[in-house]
N, C-alpha and C. Protein backbone atom coordinates (compact mmCIF):
# COMPACT_ATOMS: atom_id res chain seq x y z
N UNK A 1 106.04 43.11 139.81
CA UNK A 1 104.88 43.94 139.51
C UNK A 1 105.17 44.78 138.29
N UNK A 2 104.23 44.81 137.36
CA UNK A 2 104.39 45.61 136.16
C UNK A 2 103.85 47.01 136.34
N UNK A 3 104.00 47.80 135.30
CA UNK A 3 103.49 49.16 135.30
C UNK A 3 102.06 49.19 134.77
N UNK A 4 101.27 50.15 135.25
CA UNK A 4 99.94 50.44 134.69
C UNK A 4 100.06 51.70 133.86
N UNK A 5 99.60 51.67 132.65
CA UNK A 5 99.53 52.90 131.87
C UNK A 5 98.43 52.77 130.83
N UNK A 6 98.01 53.93 130.36
CA UNK A 6 96.90 54.01 129.43
C UNK A 6 97.22 55.00 128.32
N UNK A 7 96.28 55.11 127.40
CA UNK A 7 96.32 56.11 126.33
C UNK A 7 95.34 57.21 126.72
N UNK A 8 95.76 58.47 126.64
CA UNK A 8 94.84 59.56 126.99
C UNK A 8 93.65 59.53 126.03
N UNK A 9 92.49 59.83 126.56
CA UNK A 9 91.27 59.71 125.78
C UNK A 9 90.99 60.91 124.88
N UNK A 10 91.63 62.02 125.16
CA UNK A 10 91.40 63.21 124.32
C UNK A 10 92.48 63.42 123.27
N UNK A 11 93.72 63.00 123.55
CA UNK A 11 94.82 63.23 122.61
C UNK A 11 95.45 61.95 122.08
N UNK A 12 95.02 60.81 122.61
CA UNK A 12 95.53 59.49 122.18
C UNK A 12 97.04 59.36 122.35
N UNK A 13 97.57 59.94 123.43
CA UNK A 13 99.00 59.82 123.74
C UNK A 13 99.21 58.79 124.84
N UNK A 14 100.29 58.05 124.73
CA UNK A 14 100.68 57.12 125.78
C UNK A 14 101.07 57.91 127.02
N UNK A 15 100.54 57.52 128.16
CA UNK A 15 100.91 58.18 129.41
C UNK A 15 102.24 57.58 129.87
N UNK A 16 103.31 58.26 129.50
CA UNK A 16 104.64 57.77 129.84
C UNK A 16 104.91 57.99 131.33
N UNK A 17 105.76 57.14 131.88
CA UNK A 17 106.05 57.28 133.30
C UNK A 17 107.41 57.91 133.54
N UNK A 18 107.60 58.29 134.76
CA UNK A 18 108.79 58.99 135.24
C UNK A 18 110.09 58.26 134.89
N UNK A 19 110.06 56.95 134.82
CA UNK A 19 111.25 56.14 134.59
C UNK A 19 111.55 55.92 133.10
N UNK A 20 110.67 56.35 132.24
CA UNK A 20 110.77 56.13 130.80
C UNK A 20 111.74 57.11 130.15
N UNK A 21 112.14 56.78 128.91
CA UNK A 21 112.96 57.72 128.14
C UNK A 21 112.11 58.86 127.58
N UNK A 22 110.79 58.67 127.53
CA UNK A 22 109.89 59.73 127.06
C UNK A 22 109.57 60.68 128.21
N UNK A 23 109.40 61.96 127.91
CA UNK A 23 109.07 62.90 128.98
C UNK A 23 107.64 62.70 129.50
N UNK A 24 107.46 63.00 130.78
CA UNK A 24 106.12 62.95 131.36
C UNK A 24 105.39 64.24 131.02
N UNK A 25 104.08 64.22 131.13
CA UNK A 25 103.26 65.41 130.90
C UNK A 25 102.07 65.33 131.84
N UNK A 26 101.44 66.47 132.14
CA UNK A 26 100.30 66.44 133.06
C UNK A 26 99.13 65.63 132.50
N UNK A 27 98.58 64.79 133.36
CA UNK A 27 97.41 63.97 133.01
C UNK A 27 96.36 64.20 134.09
N UNK A 28 95.12 64.24 133.68
CA UNK A 28 94.01 64.47 134.60
C UNK A 28 93.08 63.27 134.59
N UNK A 29 92.69 62.83 135.78
CA UNK A 29 91.73 61.74 135.92
C UNK A 29 90.41 62.36 136.36
N UNK A 30 89.34 62.01 135.67
CA UNK A 30 88.03 62.61 135.92
C UNK A 30 87.01 61.50 136.20
N UNK A 31 86.22 61.70 137.25
CA UNK A 31 85.17 60.71 137.53
C UNK A 31 83.82 61.19 137.02
N UNK A 32 82.81 60.37 137.20
CA UNK A 32 81.47 60.66 136.68
C UNK A 32 80.76 61.77 137.44
N UNK A 33 81.34 62.24 138.54
CA UNK A 33 80.75 63.35 139.30
C UNK A 33 81.46 64.67 139.01
N UNK A 34 82.46 64.63 138.12
CA UNK A 34 83.17 65.85 137.76
C UNK A 34 84.39 66.15 138.60
N UNK A 35 84.73 65.26 139.52
CA UNK A 35 85.94 65.46 140.31
C UNK A 35 87.16 65.22 139.43
N UNK A 36 88.23 65.99 139.68
CA UNK A 36 89.43 65.92 138.84
C UNK A 36 90.66 65.77 139.72
N UNK A 37 91.54 64.86 139.31
CA UNK A 37 92.83 64.67 139.96
C UNK A 37 93.91 64.92 138.91
N UNK A 38 94.89 65.74 139.26
CA UNK A 38 95.97 66.07 138.32
C UNK A 38 97.24 65.35 138.73
N UNK A 39 97.90 64.75 137.76
CA UNK A 39 99.20 64.11 137.98
C UNK A 39 100.22 64.73 137.05
N UNK A 40 101.27 65.30 137.62
CA UNK A 40 102.32 65.95 136.81
C UNK A 40 103.50 65.03 136.53
N UNK A 41 103.68 64.01 137.36
CA UNK A 41 104.86 63.14 137.22
C UNK A 41 104.43 61.70 137.48
N UNK A 42 103.78 61.10 136.49
CA UNK A 42 103.21 59.76 136.65
C UNK A 42 104.30 58.72 136.87
N UNK A 43 104.12 57.89 137.90
CA UNK A 43 105.09 56.85 138.22
C UNK A 43 104.67 55.48 137.70
N UNK A 44 103.53 55.38 137.07
CA UNK A 44 103.04 54.17 136.40
C UNK A 44 102.50 53.10 137.34
N UNK A 45 102.02 53.52 138.50
CA UNK A 45 101.41 52.58 139.42
C UNK A 45 99.91 52.80 139.55
N UNK A 46 99.34 53.57 138.62
CA UNK A 46 97.90 53.77 138.61
C UNK A 46 97.41 54.91 139.48
N UNK A 47 98.32 55.73 140.00
CA UNK A 47 97.95 56.81 140.91
C UNK A 47 98.06 58.15 140.19
N UNK A 48 96.97 58.90 140.22
CA UNK A 48 96.91 60.23 139.59
C UNK A 48 96.49 61.23 140.66
N UNK A 49 97.36 62.18 140.95
CA UNK A 49 97.05 63.19 141.95
C UNK A 49 96.73 62.60 143.32
N UNK A 50 97.39 61.50 143.65
CA UNK A 50 97.18 60.85 144.94
C UNK A 50 96.01 59.89 144.99
N UNK A 51 95.30 59.74 143.89
CA UNK A 51 94.13 58.85 143.84
C UNK A 51 94.41 57.67 142.92
N UNK A 52 94.22 56.47 143.41
CA UNK A 52 94.44 55.26 142.63
C UNK A 52 93.29 55.06 141.63
N UNK A 53 93.65 54.81 140.37
CA UNK A 53 92.65 54.63 139.31
C UNK A 53 91.64 53.55 139.68
N UNK A 54 92.12 52.39 140.13
CA UNK A 54 91.22 51.28 140.39
C UNK A 54 90.42 51.46 141.68
N UNK A 55 90.96 52.19 142.65
CA UNK A 55 90.17 52.52 143.84
C UNK A 55 89.02 53.45 143.46
N UNK A 56 89.31 54.43 142.60
CA UNK A 56 88.26 55.33 142.13
C UNK A 56 87.22 54.55 141.33
N UNK A 57 87.67 53.66 140.49
CA UNK A 57 86.73 52.85 139.70
C UNK A 57 85.86 52.00 140.63
N UNK A 58 86.45 51.46 141.69
CA UNK A 58 85.67 50.69 142.67
C UNK A 58 84.60 51.58 143.31
N UNK A 59 84.98 52.80 143.70
CA UNK A 59 84.01 53.73 144.29
C UNK A 59 82.89 54.06 143.31
N UNK A 60 83.24 54.30 142.06
CA UNK A 60 82.24 54.65 141.05
C UNK A 60 81.25 53.52 140.80
N UNK A 61 81.69 52.29 141.03
CA UNK A 61 80.86 51.12 140.76
C UNK A 61 80.34 50.44 142.03
N UNK A 62 80.43 51.15 143.15
CA UNK A 62 79.96 50.63 144.44
C UNK A 62 80.57 49.28 144.80
N UNK A 63 81.86 49.15 144.52
CA UNK A 63 82.59 47.94 144.88
C UNK A 63 83.40 48.22 146.14
N UNK A 64 83.70 47.18 146.88
CA UNK A 64 84.41 47.34 148.15
C UNK A 64 85.93 47.34 147.96
N UNK A 65 86.42 46.55 147.02
CA UNK A 65 87.86 46.34 146.91
C UNK A 65 88.43 46.76 145.55
N UNK A 66 89.65 47.23 145.58
CA UNK A 66 90.39 47.63 144.38
C UNK A 66 90.48 46.46 143.38
N UNK A 67 90.76 45.26 143.90
CA UNK A 67 90.91 44.09 143.02
C UNK A 67 89.62 43.79 142.26
N UNK A 68 88.48 44.09 142.87
CA UNK A 68 87.20 43.91 142.17
C UNK A 68 87.11 44.85 140.97
N UNK A 69 87.63 46.07 141.14
CA UNK A 69 87.62 47.04 140.04
C UNK A 69 88.56 46.60 138.92
N UNK A 70 89.69 46.02 139.28
CA UNK A 70 90.62 45.52 138.25
C UNK A 70 89.93 44.42 137.44
N UNK A 71 89.26 43.51 138.12
CA UNK A 71 88.52 42.46 137.42
C UNK A 71 87.43 43.06 136.53
N UNK A 72 86.74 44.06 137.05
CA UNK A 72 85.67 44.71 136.28
C UNK A 72 86.23 45.41 135.05
N UNK A 73 87.38 46.06 135.19
CA UNK A 73 88.01 46.75 134.06
C UNK A 73 88.23 45.78 132.89
N UNK A 74 88.66 44.57 133.19
CA UNK A 74 88.98 43.60 132.14
C UNK A 74 87.79 42.72 131.75
N UNK A 75 86.64 42.93 132.38
CA UNK A 75 85.44 42.18 132.00
C UNK A 75 84.74 42.93 130.86
N UNK A 76 83.66 42.39 130.42
CA UNK A 76 82.88 43.04 129.36
C UNK A 76 81.53 43.48 129.90
N UNK A 77 81.53 43.98 131.13
CA UNK A 77 80.31 44.43 131.78
C UNK A 77 79.91 45.80 131.23
N UNK A 78 78.81 45.86 130.55
CA UNK A 78 78.36 47.11 129.91
C UNK A 78 77.89 48.16 130.91
N UNK A 79 77.67 47.77 132.15
CA UNK A 79 77.21 48.72 133.17
C UNK A 79 78.37 49.34 133.95
N UNK A 80 79.58 48.89 133.72
CA UNK A 80 80.74 49.41 134.45
C UNK A 80 80.97 50.88 134.14
N UNK A 81 81.36 51.63 135.16
CA UNK A 81 81.72 53.04 135.01
C UNK A 81 83.23 53.17 135.10
N UNK A 82 83.80 54.03 134.24
CA UNK A 82 85.25 54.16 134.15
C UNK A 82 85.71 55.60 134.36
N UNK A 83 86.76 55.82 135.17
CA UNK A 83 87.38 57.14 135.21
C UNK A 83 87.98 57.47 133.84
N UNK A 84 87.98 58.73 133.49
CA UNK A 84 88.58 59.18 132.23
C UNK A 84 89.98 59.71 132.49
N UNK A 85 90.87 59.56 131.51
CA UNK A 85 92.25 60.05 131.60
C UNK A 85 92.50 60.96 130.40
N UNK A 86 92.74 62.24 130.69
CA UNK A 86 92.85 63.24 129.62
C UNK A 86 93.98 64.22 129.90
N UNK A 87 94.37 64.94 128.85
CA UNK A 87 95.35 66.02 128.99
C UNK A 87 94.69 67.38 129.17
N UNK A 88 93.49 67.55 128.64
CA UNK A 88 92.83 68.86 128.63
C UNK A 88 91.44 68.77 129.27
N UNK A 89 91.37 68.82 130.60
CA UNK A 89 90.09 68.61 131.28
C UNK A 89 89.05 69.70 131.02
N UNK A 90 89.49 70.91 130.74
CA UNK A 90 88.52 71.99 130.50
C UNK A 90 87.78 71.80 129.19
N UNK A 91 88.37 71.04 128.29
CA UNK A 91 87.76 70.79 126.98
C UNK A 91 87.14 69.39 126.91
N UNK A 92 86.96 68.77 128.06
CA UNK A 92 86.50 67.38 128.09
C UNK A 92 85.30 67.26 129.02
N UNK A 93 84.35 66.48 128.62
CA UNK A 93 83.24 66.12 129.49
C UNK A 93 83.31 64.61 129.70
N UNK A 94 83.15 64.18 130.95
CA UNK A 94 83.26 62.76 131.27
C UNK A 94 82.35 61.94 130.37
N UNK A 95 82.93 60.85 129.86
CA UNK A 95 82.19 59.87 129.05
C UNK A 95 82.39 58.51 129.69
N UNK A 96 81.42 57.68 129.61
CA UNK A 96 81.60 56.34 130.15
C UNK A 96 82.27 55.45 129.11
N UNK A 97 83.55 55.71 128.93
CA UNK A 97 84.38 54.92 128.02
C UNK A 97 85.63 54.46 128.75
N UNK A 98 85.95 53.22 128.57
CA UNK A 98 87.15 52.67 129.18
C UNK A 98 88.39 53.19 128.46
N UNK A 99 89.34 53.80 129.18
CA UNK A 99 90.57 54.21 128.51
C UNK A 99 91.35 52.97 128.06
N UNK A 100 91.94 53.07 126.89
CA UNK A 100 92.71 51.94 126.36
C UNK A 100 94.03 51.80 127.11
N UNK A 101 94.41 50.56 127.41
CA UNK A 101 95.71 50.37 128.05
C UNK A 101 96.85 50.67 127.08
N UNK A 102 97.94 51.17 127.61
CA UNK A 102 99.12 51.43 126.78
C UNK A 102 99.87 50.11 126.58
N UNK A 103 100.11 49.70 125.34
CA UNK A 103 100.81 48.44 125.10
C UNK A 103 102.26 48.47 125.57
N UNK A 104 102.78 49.68 125.81
CA UNK A 104 104.18 49.84 126.25
C UNK A 104 104.28 50.03 127.76
N UNK A 105 103.16 49.97 128.45
CA UNK A 105 103.09 50.18 129.90
C UNK A 105 103.68 51.52 130.32
N UNK A 106 103.70 52.48 129.40
CA UNK A 106 104.23 53.80 129.71
C UNK A 106 105.74 53.82 129.87
N UNK A 107 106.40 52.74 129.48
CA UNK A 107 107.84 52.63 129.71
C UNK A 107 108.61 52.00 128.55
N UNK A 108 108.16 50.87 128.06
CA UNK A 108 108.92 50.06 127.10
C UNK A 108 108.71 50.53 125.66
N UNK A 109 109.25 51.70 125.34
CA UNK A 109 109.09 52.28 123.99
C UNK A 109 110.20 51.82 123.08
């Protein structure tokens, strides 16, 4: 199993994971209803503040299964809703934009 990681949408930083040589930093996941989950020590398995990114995406898109959300993330469905990943939630308003995946998976720098 590989790591899941993304680029923060407000600062364009790679979300490094706990096992990486780069230090971790707080990341916030925000849904379309304004709910926020904070992760201080990302382990690179898609979980922010105890909430799985793809499970949240499934909920936002009225899907039943996490795997359906993973498929939706990689599709080109213009109606898909995406959780946002940011460093500064107070200065951010949710946008329906897919966060870019980190090419280094938050680890292989």
